[in-house]
Amino acid sequence: MLNQFVSLVKHYQQQDPVRPTFMEVVLVYPGFHAVVNHRLAHYLWKNNFRIISRIIAHFSRFITGIEIHPAATIGENLFIDHGMGIVIGETTIIGDNVTLFHQVTLGGSGNPSGANRKRHPTIGNNVIIGAGAKILGNITIYSNAKIAPNSVTMQDIPAYATFSPQPSRVSKYKEDWSI
């Protein structure tokens, strides 16, 4: 357990271009706090201490602005950069070495029938998900894919692919602004 904690701190140090100190990560990185709190909440969830795990997840959301359901499965070295507004749903599965930026949603796309039906995405290893991206439904983002900022996807994304929305453009333009 201590080795995983130290490994996660070192991963945050390596991923952040600022190269924070060990204590900086431990004391002031909300993404790090959210992942550590999730590890405890997930352990309790799996061992049927569901109310306590939900309380820990709720407290973590209050402190960090990052909402991770205690049932979500998260691999090693999840890096959450500027995590405010991240939502990770109940049946989400996240692989190893994944990077999430702020305002990412890994959410459901409706209410499928069946009590234990998977309704959230599966994220492979080494995936980068840009700020504001919304990944919805029981889909798979395969390893080494990149999801561009503000993308909305409800489809599988192949390995090594980059998924981005249609480029922004000027939709209306007026040359004379005089009144």
N, C-alpha and C. Protein backbone atom coordinates (compact mmCIF):
# COMPACT_ATOMS: atom_id res chain seq x y z
N MET A 1 0.83 -1.20 0.00
CA MET A 1 0.00 0.00 0.00
C MET A 1 0.87 1.25 0.00
N LEU A 2 1.87 1.29 0.85
CA LEU A 2 2.77 2.44 0.90
C LEU A 2 3.53 2.58 -0.41
N ASN A 3 3.92 1.45 -1.01
CA ASN A 3 4.62 1.51 -2.29
C ASN A 3 3.75 2.12 -3.38
N GLN A 4 2.45 1.78 -3.39
CA GLN A 4 1.53 2.35 -4.37
C GLN A 4 1.39 3.86 -4.16
N PHE A 5 1.34 4.29 -2.91
CA PHE A 5 1.23 5.71 -2.57
C PHE A 5 2.44 6.47 -3.09
N VAL A 6 3.64 5.96 -2.79
CA VAL A 6 4.88 6.61 -3.23
C VAL A 6 4.97 6.60 -4.75
N SER A 7 4.59 5.50 -5.37
CA SER A 7 4.62 5.39 -6.82
C SER A 7 3.69 6.42 -7.47
N LEU A 8 2.51 6.62 -6.89
CA LEU A 8 1.56 7.60 -7.43
C LEU A 8 2.11 9.01 -7.29
N VAL A 9 2.72 9.32 -6.15
CA VAL A 9 3.32 10.65 -5.97
C VAL A 9 4.40 10.88 -7.02
N LYS A 10 5.26 9.89 -7.23
CA LYS A 10 6.33 10.02 -8.23
C LYS A 10 5.75 10.20 -9.63
N HIS A 11 4.66 9.50 -9.91
CA HIS A 11 4.01 9.64 -11.22
C HIS A 11 3.52 11.07 -11.40
N TYR A 12 2.90 11.65 -10.39
CA TYR A 12 2.45 13.04 -10.47
C TYR A 12 3.63 13.98 -10.67
N GLN A 13 4.73 13.73 -9.99
CA GLN A 13 5.91 14.56 -10.16
C GLN A 13 6.42 14.50 -11.59
N GLN A 14 6.41 13.32 -12.19
CA GLN A 14 6.90 13.16 -13.56
C GLN A 14 5.95 13.77 -14.59
N GLN A 15 4.65 13.67 -14.36
CA GLN A 15 3.67 14.14 -15.34
C GLN A 15 3.52 15.65 -15.37
N ASP A 16 3.69 16.30 -14.23
CA ASP A 16 3.48 17.74 -14.16
C ASP A 16 4.75 18.46 -14.60
N PRO A 17 4.66 19.31 -15.62
CA PRO A 17 5.85 20.03 -16.09
C PRO A 17 6.49 20.93 -15.04
N VAL A 18 5.74 21.30 -14.01
CA VAL A 18 6.27 22.15 -12.94
C VAL A 18 7.27 21.38 -12.08
N ARG A 19 7.21 20.05 -12.12
CA ARG A 19 8.07 19.17 -11.33
C ARG A 19 7.95 19.50 -9.83
N PRO A 20 6.75 19.28 -9.28
CA PRO A 20 6.54 19.59 -7.86
C PRO A 20 7.34 18.67 -6.94
N THR A 21 7.53 19.14 -5.71
CA THR A 21 8.19 18.30 -4.72
C THR A 21 7.23 17.22 -4.25
N PHE A 22 7.77 16.22 -3.58
CA PHE A 22 6.97 15.13 -3.03
C PHE A 22 5.87 15.70 -2.13
N MET A 23 6.24 16.62 -1.24
CA MET A 23 5.26 17.18 -0.29
C MET A 23 4.23 18.06 -0.99
N GLU A 24 4.61 18.75 -2.05
CA GLU A 24 3.62 19.54 -2.80
C GLU A 24 2.51 18.64 -3.32
N VAL A 25 2.89 17.53 -3.91
CA VAL A 25 1.88 16.60 -4.45
C VAL A 25 0.99 16.11 -3.32
N VAL A 26 1.59 15.67 -2.24
CA VAL A 26 0.83 15.10 -1.12
C VAL A 26 -0.11 16.14 -0.49
N LEU A 27 0.33 17.38 -0.40
CA LEU A 27 -0.44 18.38 0.32
C LEU A 27 -1.43 19.18 -0.53
N VAL A 28 -1.11 19.45 -1.80
CA VAL A 28 -1.94 20.42 -2.53
C VAL A 28 -2.39 19.99 -3.92
N TYR A 29 -2.31 18.74 -4.27
CA TYR A 29 -2.76 18.30 -5.58
C TYR A 29 -4.11 17.60 -5.46
N PRO A 30 -5.21 18.26 -5.85
CA PRO A 30 -6.53 17.66 -5.68
C PRO A 30 -6.72 16.37 -6.48
N GLY A 31 -6.11 16.27 -7.65
CA GLY A 31 -6.22 15.03 -8.43
C GLY A 31 -5.63 13.86 -7.68
N PHE A 32 -4.49 14.09 -7.06
CA PHE A 32 -3.84 13.07 -6.23
C PHE A 32 -4.75 12.68 -5.07
N HIS A 33 -5.32 13.69 -4.39
CA HIS A 33 -6.21 13.43 -3.25
C HIS A 33 -7.42 12.61 -3.69
N ALA A 34 -7.99 12.95 -4.85
CA ALA A 34 -9.17 12.23 -5.34
C ALA A 34 -8.84 10.76 -5.61
N VAL A 35 -7.67 10.49 -6.19
CA VAL A 35 -7.30 9.11 -6.50
C VAL A 35 -7.06 8.32 -5.21
N VAL A 36 -6.35 8.93 -4.25
CA VAL A 36 -6.08 8.25 -2.98
C VAL A 36 -7.39 7.97 -2.24
N ASN A 37 -8.27 8.96 -2.18
CA ASN A 37 -9.57 8.76 -1.52
C ASN A 37 -10.38 7.69 -2.24
N HIS A 38 -10.30 7.67 -3.57
CA HIS A 38 -11.04 6.65 -4.32
C HIS A 38 -10.52 5.25 -3.99
N ARG A 39 -9.22 5.10 -3.85
CA ARG A 39 -8.66 3.78 -3.53
C ARG A 39 -9.29 3.24 -2.24
N LEU A 40 -9.41 4.10 -1.22
CA LEU A 40 -10.03 3.68 0.04
C LEU A 40 -11.52 3.40 -0.16
N ALA A 41 -12.22 4.32 -0.82
CA ALA A 41 -13.67 4.15 -1.03
C ALA A 41 -13.96 2.89 -1.85
N HIS A 42 -13.14 2.63 -2.87
CA HIS A 42 -13.34 1.45 -3.72
C HIS A 42 -13.12 0.16 -2.92
N TYR A 43 -12.10 0.15 -2.09
CA TYR A 43 -11.83 -1.02 -1.23
C TYR A 43 -13.04 -1.29 -0.34
N LEU A 44 -13.57 -0.23 0.28
CA LEU A 44 -14.73 -0.39 1.15
C LEU A 44 -15.96 -0.83 0.36
N TRP A 45 -16.14 -0.28 -0.84
CA TRP A 45 -17.28 -0.65 -1.70
C TRP A 45 -17.24 -2.14 -2.01
N LYS A 46 -16.06 -2.63 -2.42
CA LYS A 46 -15.92 -4.03 -2.77
C LYS A 46 -16.15 -4.95 -1.58
N ASN A 47 -15.94 -4.45 -0.36
CA ASN A 47 -16.14 -5.24 0.84
C ASN A 47 -17.47 -4.94 1.53
N ASN A 48 -18.42 -4.41 0.75
CA ASN A 48 -19.80 -4.17 1.19
C ASN A 48 -19.97 -3.17 2.32
N PHE A 49 -19.03 -2.21 2.43
CA PHE A 49 -19.21 -1.07 3.34
C PHE A 49 -19.64 0.11 2.48
N ARG A 50 -20.80 -0.03 1.87
CA ARG A 50 -21.22 0.90 0.83
C ARG A 50 -21.52 2.30 1.35
N ILE A 51 -22.16 2.41 2.47
CA ILE A 51 -22.48 3.75 3.00
C ILE A 51 -21.20 4.51 3.33
N ILE A 52 -20.26 3.86 3.99
CA ILE A 52 -19.00 4.51 4.35
C ILE A 52 -18.25 4.90 3.08
N SER A 53 -18.24 4.02 2.08
CA SER A 53 -17.52 4.33 0.85
C SER A 53 -18.17 5.52 0.13
N ARG A 54 -19.49 5.61 0.16
CA ARG A 54 -20.17 6.75 -0.47
C ARG A 54 -19.89 8.04 0.29
N ILE A 55 -19.78 7.95 1.62
CA ILE A 55 -19.46 9.14 2.42
C ILE A 55 -18.05 9.64 2.08
N ILE A 56 -17.10 8.72 1.96
CA ILE A 56 -15.74 9.10 1.60
C ILE A 56 -15.72 9.74 0.21
N ALA A 57 -16.43 9.14 -0.75
CA ALA A 57 -16.49 9.70 -2.11
C ALA A 57 -17.12 11.09 -2.10
N HIS A 58 -18.18 11.25 -1.30
CA HIS A 58 -18.85 12.55 -1.20
C HIS A 58 -17.92 13.60 -0.58
N PHE A 59 -17.23 13.23 0.46
CA PHE A 59 -16.27 14.13 1.11
C PHE A 59 -15.17 14.52 0.11
N SER A 60 -14.68 13.53 -0.62
CA SER A 60 -13.62 13.78 -1.60
C SER A 60 -14.10 14.75 -2.68
N ARG A 61 -15.33 14.56 -3.14
CA ARG A 61 -15.89 15.49 -4.14
C ARG A 61 -15.99 16.90 -3.58
N PHE A 62 -16.39 17.02 -2.34
CA PHE A 62 -16.52 18.33 -1.69
C PHE A 62 -15.15 19.02 -1.60
N ILE A 63 -14.12 18.27 -1.27
CA ILE A 63 -12.77 18.83 -1.08
C ILE A 63 -12.07 19.10 -2.41
N THR A 64 -12.24 18.19 -3.39
CA THR A 64 -11.45 18.27 -4.63
C THR A 64 -12.21 18.78 -5.85
N GLY A 65 -13.53 18.70 -5.84
CA GLY A 65 -14.31 19.05 -7.03
C GLY A 65 -14.29 17.94 -8.07
N ILE A 66 -13.82 16.76 -7.68
CA ILE A 66 -13.72 15.61 -8.57
C ILE A 66 -14.64 14.52 -8.04
N GLU A 67 -15.59 14.09 -8.87
CA GLU A 67 -16.56 13.08 -8.43
C GLU A 67 -16.22 11.74 -9.05
N ILE A 68 -15.86 10.78 -8.20
CA ILE A 68 -15.57 9.42 -8.65
C ILE A 68 -16.46 8.47 -7.86
N HIS A 69 -17.31 7.74 -8.55
CA HIS A 69 -18.16 6.77 -7.86
C HIS A 69 -17.27 5.69 -7.26
N PRO A 70 -17.53 5.27 -6.02
CA PRO A 70 -16.67 4.27 -5.38
C PRO A 70 -16.63 2.92 -6.09
N ALA A 71 -17.61 2.61 -6.94
CA ALA A 71 -17.60 1.33 -7.66
C ALA A 71 -16.73 1.38 -8.92
N ALA A 72 -16.36 2.57 -9.38
CA ALA A 72 -15.53 2.69 -10.59
C ALA A 72 -14.20 1.98 -10.36
N THR A 73 -13.70 1.35 -11.42
CA THR A 73 -12.42 0.62 -11.35
C THR A 73 -11.35 1.46 -12.02
N ILE A 74 -10.30 1.77 -11.27
CA ILE A 74 -9.23 2.63 -11.78
C ILE A 74 -7.90 1.91 -11.66
N GLY A 75 -7.16 1.87 -12.76
CA GLY A 75 -5.85 1.23 -12.80
C GLY A 75 -4.78 2.09 -12.13
N GLU A 76 -3.54 1.71 -12.37
CA GLU A 76 -2.40 2.41 -11.76
C GLU A 76 -2.14 3.74 -12.46
N ASN A 77 -1.65 4.69 -11.69
CA ASN A 77 -1.12 5.96 -12.20
C ASN A 77 -2.12 6.81 -12.96
N LEU A 78 -3.35 6.91 -12.46
CA LEU A 78 -4.29 7.87 -13.04
C LEU A 78 -3.79 9.26 -12.68
N PHE A 79 -3.55 10.09 -13.71
CA PHE A 79 -3.10 11.47 -13.49
C PHE A 79 -4.25 12.40 -13.82
N ILE A 80 -4.72 13.13 -12.81
CA ILE A 80 -5.79 14.10 -12.99
C ILE A 80 -5.17 15.48 -12.86
N ASP A 81 -5.14 16.22 -13.96
CA ASP A 81 -4.53 17.55 -13.99
C ASP A 81 -5.65 18.59 -13.99
N HIS A 82 -5.60 19.53 -13.07
CA HIS A 82 -6.64 20.56 -12.95
C HIS A 82 -8.01 19.90 -12.93
N GLY A 83 -8.26 19.07 -11.96
CA GLY A 83 -9.39 18.15 -11.98
C GLY A 83 -10.77 18.69 -11.75
N MET A 84 -10.94 19.96 -11.46
CA MET A 84 -12.27 20.47 -11.12
C MET A 84 -13.30 20.06 -12.16
N GLY A 85 -14.40 19.51 -11.70
CA GLY A 85 -15.51 19.17 -12.57
C GLY A 85 -15.46 17.81 -13.21
N ILE A 86 -14.48 16.99 -12.88
CA ILE A 86 -14.42 15.64 -13.45
C ILE A 86 -15.50 14.77 -12.81
N VAL A 87 -16.15 13.96 -13.65
CA VAL A 87 -17.15 13.00 -13.18
C VAL A 87 -16.78 11.63 -13.76
N ILE A 88 -16.66 10.64 -12.89
CA ILE A 88 -16.37 9.26 -13.30
C ILE A 88 -17.49 8.39 -12.75
N GLY A 89 -18.27 7.80 -13.65
CA GLY A 89 -19.47 7.05 -13.27
C GLY A 89 -19.19 5.67 -12.70
N GLU A 90 -20.24 5.09 -12.19
CA GLU A 90 -20.20 3.85 -11.40
C GLU A 90 -19.56 2.66 -12.11
N THR A 91 -19.90 2.41 -13.35
CA THR A 91 -19.39 1.22 -14.03
C THR A 91 -18.20 1.53 -14.95
N THR A 92 -17.60 2.69 -14.76
CA THR A 92 -16.42 3.07 -15.54
C THR A 92 -15.24 2.17 -15.17
N ILE A 93 -14.47 1.81 -16.18
CA ILE A 93 -13.21 1.09 -15.97
C ILE A 93 -12.12 1.92 -16.64
N ILE A 94 -11.08 2.27 -15.88
CA ILE A 94 -9.97 3.06 -16.40
C ILE A 94 -8.69 2.24 -16.27
N GLY A 95 -7.94 2.15 -17.36
CA GLY A 95 -6.69 1.41 -17.37
C GLY A 95 -5.56 2.15 -16.69
N ASP A 96 -4.34 1.73 -16.98
CA ASP A 96 -3.14 2.31 -16.37
C ASP A 96 -2.64 3.51 -17.17
N ASN A 97 -2.00 4.43 -16.45
CA ASN A 97 -1.31 5.58 -17.05
C ASN A 97 -2.24 6.44 -17.90
N VAL A 98 -3.43 6.69 -17.40
CA VAL A 98 -4.41 7.53 -18.08
C VAL A 98 -4.30 8.95 -17.54
N THR A 99 -4.46 9.95 -18.42
CA THR A 99 -4.44 11.36 -18.03
C THR A 99 -5.79 11.97 -18.33
N LEU A 100 -6.38 12.63 -17.33
CA LEU A 100 -7.64 13.35 -17.48
C LEU A 100 -7.41 14.82 -17.15
N PHE A 101 -7.96 15.71 -17.97
CA PHE A 101 -7.92 17.14 -17.68
C PHE A 101 -9.28 17.58 -17.14
N HIS A 102 -9.38 18.84 -16.74
CA HIS A 102 -10.59 19.31 -16.06
C HIS A 102 -11.84 19.19 -16.93
N GLN A 103 -12.97 19.06 -16.25
CA GLN A 103 -14.31 19.01 -16.84
C GLN A 103 -14.57 17.76 -17.70
N VAL A 104 -13.80 16.70 -17.51
CA VAL A 104 -14.03 15.45 -18.24
C VAL A 104 -15.18 14.69 -17.58
N THR A 105 -16.07 14.14 -18.41
CA THR A 105 -17.14 13.28 -17.91
C THR A 105 -17.00 11.91 -18.54
N LEU A 106 -16.92 10.91 -17.70
CA LEU A 106 -16.98 9.51 -18.13
C LEU A 106 -18.31 9.01 -17.60
N GLY A 107 -19.36 9.23 -18.38
CA GLY A 107 -20.71 9.05 -17.88
C GLY A 107 -21.55 8.06 -18.65
N GLY A 108 -22.76 7.87 -18.15
CA GLY A 108 -23.72 6.98 -18.77
C GLY A 108 -24.49 7.71 -19.86
N SER A 109 -25.20 6.95 -20.66
CA SER A 109 -26.02 7.55 -21.72
C SER A 109 -27.43 7.01 -21.64
N GLY A 110 -28.05 7.18 -20.52
CA GLY A 110 -29.40 6.67 -20.34
C GLY A 110 -29.45 5.67 -19.20
N ASN A 111 -30.55 4.98 -19.12
CA ASN A 111 -30.78 4.06 -18.03
C ASN A 111 -31.10 2.68 -18.58
N PRO A 112 -30.08 1.89 -18.92
CA PRO A 112 -30.36 0.56 -19.47
C PRO A 112 -31.03 -0.34 -18.45
N SER A 113 -31.83 -1.26 -18.94
CA SER A 113 -32.51 -2.18 -18.03
C SER A 113 -31.52 -3.20 -17.48
N GLY A 114 -31.83 -3.74 -16.34
CA GLY A 114 -30.96 -4.72 -15.70
C GLY A 114 -30.18 -4.06 -14.58
N ALA A 115 -30.19 -4.67 -13.43
CA ALA A 115 -29.62 -4.06 -12.23
C ALA A 115 -28.11 -3.82 -12.33
N ASN A 116 -27.36 -4.75 -12.89
CA ASN A 116 -25.91 -4.63 -12.91
C ASN A 116 -25.35 -4.39 -14.31
N ARG A 117 -26.10 -3.78 -15.16
CA ARG A 117 -25.67 -3.56 -16.54
C ARG A 117 -24.65 -2.44 -16.63
N LYS A 118 -23.59 -2.67 -17.39
CA LYS A 118 -22.55 -1.66 -17.57
C LYS A 118 -23.08 -0.53 -18.44
N ARG A 119 -22.94 0.68 -17.97
CA ARG A 119 -23.48 1.81 -18.71
C ARG A 119 -22.50 2.97 -18.85
N HIS A 120 -21.25 2.76 -18.42
CA HIS A 120 -20.22 3.79 -18.50
C HIS A 120 -19.05 3.28 -19.33
N PRO A 121 -18.16 4.17 -19.76
CA PRO A 121 -17.09 3.76 -20.67
C PRO A 121 -15.97 2.94 -20.02
N THR A 122 -15.24 2.25 -20.89
CA THR A 122 -14.01 1.57 -20.52
C THR A 122 -12.88 2.31 -21.23
N ILE A 123 -11.88 2.70 -20.46
CA ILE A 123 -10.75 3.47 -20.99
C ILE A 123 -9.51 2.59 -20.91
N GLY A 124 -8.83 2.41 -22.03
CA GLY A 124 -7.63 1.58 -22.07
C GLY A 124 -6.43 2.23 -21.41
N ASN A 125 -5.27 1.65 -21.59
CA ASN A 125 -4.03 2.17 -21.01
C ASN A 125 -3.46 3.32 -21.85
N ASN A 126 -2.76 4.23 -21.18
CA ASN A 126 -2.03 5.32 -21.84
C ASN A 126 -2.93 6.23 -22.67
N VAL A 127 -4.14 6.46 -22.22
CA VAL A 127 -5.08 7.32 -22.92
C VAL A 127 -5.00 8.72 -22.33
N ILE A 128 -5.11 9.73 -23.20
CA ILE A 128 -5.15 11.13 -22.77
C ILE A 128 -6.51 11.69 -23.17
N ILE A 129 -7.20 12.28 -22.19
CA ILE A 129 -8.53 12.84 -22.44
C ILE A 129 -8.50 14.33 -22.11
N GLY A 130 -8.71 15.16 -23.13
CA GLY A 130 -8.60 16.60 -23.01
C GLY A 130 -9.72 17.24 -22.22
N ALA A 131 -9.48 18.49 -21.83
CA ALA A 131 -10.41 19.26 -21.01
C ALA A 131 -11.79 19.34 -21.66
N GLY A 132 -12.81 19.11 -20.86
CA GLY A 132 -14.18 19.25 -21.32
C GLY A 132 -14.73 18.10 -22.13
N ALA A 133 -13.94 17.06 -22.34
CA ALA A 133 -14.42 15.93 -23.15
C ALA A 133 -15.50 15.16 -22.40
N LYS A 134 -16.46 14.69 -23.14
CA LYS A 134 -17.56 13.89 -22.59
C LYS A 134 -17.55 12.54 -23.31
N ILE A 135 -17.34 11.48 -22.56
CA ILE A 135 -17.33 10.13 -23.10
C ILE A 135 -18.50 9.41 -22.45
N LEU A 136 -19.49 9.05 -23.25
CA LEU A 136 -20.77 8.61 -22.70
C LEU A 136 -21.16 7.23 -23.18
N GLY A 137 -21.63 6.42 -22.25
CA GLY A 137 -22.18 5.12 -22.58
C GLY A 137 -21.19 3.98 -22.42
N ASN A 138 -21.67 2.80 -22.69
CA ASN A 138 -20.87 1.58 -22.59
C ASN A 138 -20.04 1.44 -23.86
N ILE A 139 -19.00 2.25 -23.95
CA ILE A 139 -18.11 2.23 -25.12
C ILE A 139 -16.69 2.00 -24.63
N THR A 140 -15.78 1.77 -25.57
CA THR A 140 -14.38 1.54 -25.22
C THR A 140 -13.50 2.54 -25.95
N ILE A 141 -12.63 3.17 -25.19
CA ILE A 141 -11.57 4.00 -25.74
C ILE A 141 -10.32 3.13 -25.60
N TYR A 142 -9.82 2.62 -26.72
CA TYR A 142 -8.73 1.65 -26.68
C TYR A 142 -7.40 2.32 -26.34
N SER A 143 -6.43 1.52 -25.95
CA SER A 143 -5.14 2.01 -25.46
C SER A 143 -4.46 2.96 -26.45
N ASN A 144 -3.77 3.94 -25.85
CA ASN A 144 -2.96 4.92 -26.56
C ASN A 144 -3.76 5.88 -27.43
N ALA A 145 -5.07 5.95 -27.23
CA ALA A 145 -5.89 6.91 -27.96
C ALA A 145 -5.82 8.27 -27.27
N LYS A 146 -6.17 9.30 -28.02
CA LYS A 146 -6.26 10.65 -27.48
C LYS A 146 -7.63 11.20 -27.83
N ILE A 147 -8.24 11.84 -26.85
CA ILE A 147 -9.54 12.46 -27.04
C ILE A 147 -9.33 13.96 -26.90
N ALA A 148 -9.65 14.71 -27.94
CA ALA A 148 -9.41 16.15 -27.95
C ALA A 148 -10.33 16.88 -26.98
N PRO A 149 -9.90 18.07 -26.54
CA PRO A 149 -10.74 18.87 -25.65
C PRO A 149 -12.12 19.14 -26.25
N ASN A 150 -13.11 19.15 -25.39
CA ASN A 150 -14.51 19.45 -25.73
C ASN A 150 -15.13 18.47 -26.71
N SER A 151 -14.56 17.31 -26.88
CA SER A 151 -15.15 16.27 -27.72
C SER A 151 -16.30 15.61 -26.97
N VAL A 152 -17.27 15.15 -27.72
CA VAL A 152 -18.34 14.33 -27.17
C VAL A 152 -18.36 13.05 -28.00
N THR A 153 -18.15 11.92 -27.35
CA THR A 153 -18.18 10.67 -28.09
C THR A 153 -19.07 9.65 -27.41
N MET A 154 -19.79 8.93 -28.26
CA MET A 154 -20.64 7.83 -27.82
C MET A 154 -20.34 6.61 -28.69
N GLN A 155 -19.10 6.53 -29.17
CA GLN A 155 -18.67 5.43 -30.04
C GLN A 155 -17.30 4.95 -29.60
N ASP A 156 -16.99 3.71 -29.90
CA ASP A 156 -15.66 3.18 -29.62
C ASP A 156 -14.62 3.97 -30.40
N ILE A 157 -13.45 4.14 -29.78
CA ILE A 157 -12.33 4.82 -30.43
C ILE A 157 -11.17 3.83 -30.50
N PRO A 158 -10.64 3.57 -31.69
CA PRO A 158 -9.58 2.57 -31.83
C PRO A 158 -8.27 2.97 -31.15
N ALA A 159 -7.43 1.99 -30.93
CA ALA A 159 -6.10 2.23 -30.35
C ALA A 159 -5.31 3.18 -31.24
N TYR A 160 -4.55 4.05 -30.62
CA TYR A 160 -3.66 5.01 -31.28
C TYR A 160 -4.39 6.08 -32.08
N ALA A 161 -5.71 6.13 -32.02
CA ALA A 161 -6.46 7.14 -32.77
C ALA A 161 -6.55 8.43 -31.96
N THR A 162 -6.77 9.53 -32.67
CA THR A 162 -7.07 10.80 -32.03
C THR A 162 -8.48 11.18 -32.45
N PHE A 163 -9.34 11.41 -31.47
CA PHE A 163 -10.73 11.76 -31.73
C PHE A 163 -10.91 13.23 -31.42
N SER A 164 -11.40 13.99 -32.40
CA SER A 164 -11.63 15.42 -32.16
C SER A 164 -12.93 15.85 -32.83
N PRO A 165 -13.56 16.89 -32.26
CA PRO A 165 -14.81 17.38 -32.85
C PRO A 165 -14.51 18.13 -34.14
N GLN A 166 -15.59 18.42 -34.87
CA GLN A 166 -15.45 19.22 -36.08
C GLN A 166 -14.75 20.53 -35.72
N PRO A 167 -13.83 21.01 -36.51
CA PRO A 167 -13.13 22.25 -36.16
C PRO A 167 -14.09 23.42 -35.97
N SER A 168 -13.76 24.27 -35.04
CA SER A 168 -14.56 25.48 -34.81
C SER A 168 -14.44 26.40 -36.02
N ARG A 169 -15.47 27.19 -36.22
CA ARG A 169 -15.44 28.12 -37.34
C ARG A 169 -16.32 29.32 -37.00
N VAL A 170 -16.14 30.39 -37.73
CA VAL A 170 -17.00 31.56 -37.58
C VAL A 170 -18.31 31.24 -38.28
N SER A 171 -19.41 31.33 -37.57
CA SER A 171 -20.69 30.99 -38.17
C SER A 171 -21.44 32.22 -38.69
N LYS A 172 -21.11 33.38 -38.16
CA LYS A 172 -21.77 34.60 -38.61
C LYS A 172 -20.76 35.72 -38.46
N TYR A 173 -20.74 36.60 -39.45
CA TYR A 173 -19.76 37.68 -39.41
C TYR A 173 -20.39 38.93 -39.98
N LYS A 174 -20.15 40.05 -39.29
CA LYS A 174 -20.66 41.31 -39.76
C LYS A 174 -19.46 42.25 -39.89
N GLU A 175 -19.24 42.78 -41.09
CA GLU A 175 -18.08 43.64 -41.31
C GLU A 175 -18.24 45.02 -40.72
N ASP A 176 -19.41 45.59 -40.84
CA ASP A 176 -19.61 46.96 -40.38
C ASP A 176 -20.26 46.93 -39.00
N TRP A 177 -19.50 47.27 -37.98
CA TRP A 177 -20.01 47.27 -36.60
C TRP A 177 -20.48 48.64 -36.16
N SER A 178 -20.50 49.61 -37.06
CA SER A 178 -20.96 50.95 -36.67
C SER A 178 -22.48 50.95 -36.46
N ILE A 179 -22.90 51.79 -35.59
CA ILE A 179 -24.34 51.81 -35.26
C ILE A 179 -24.99 53.02 -35.88
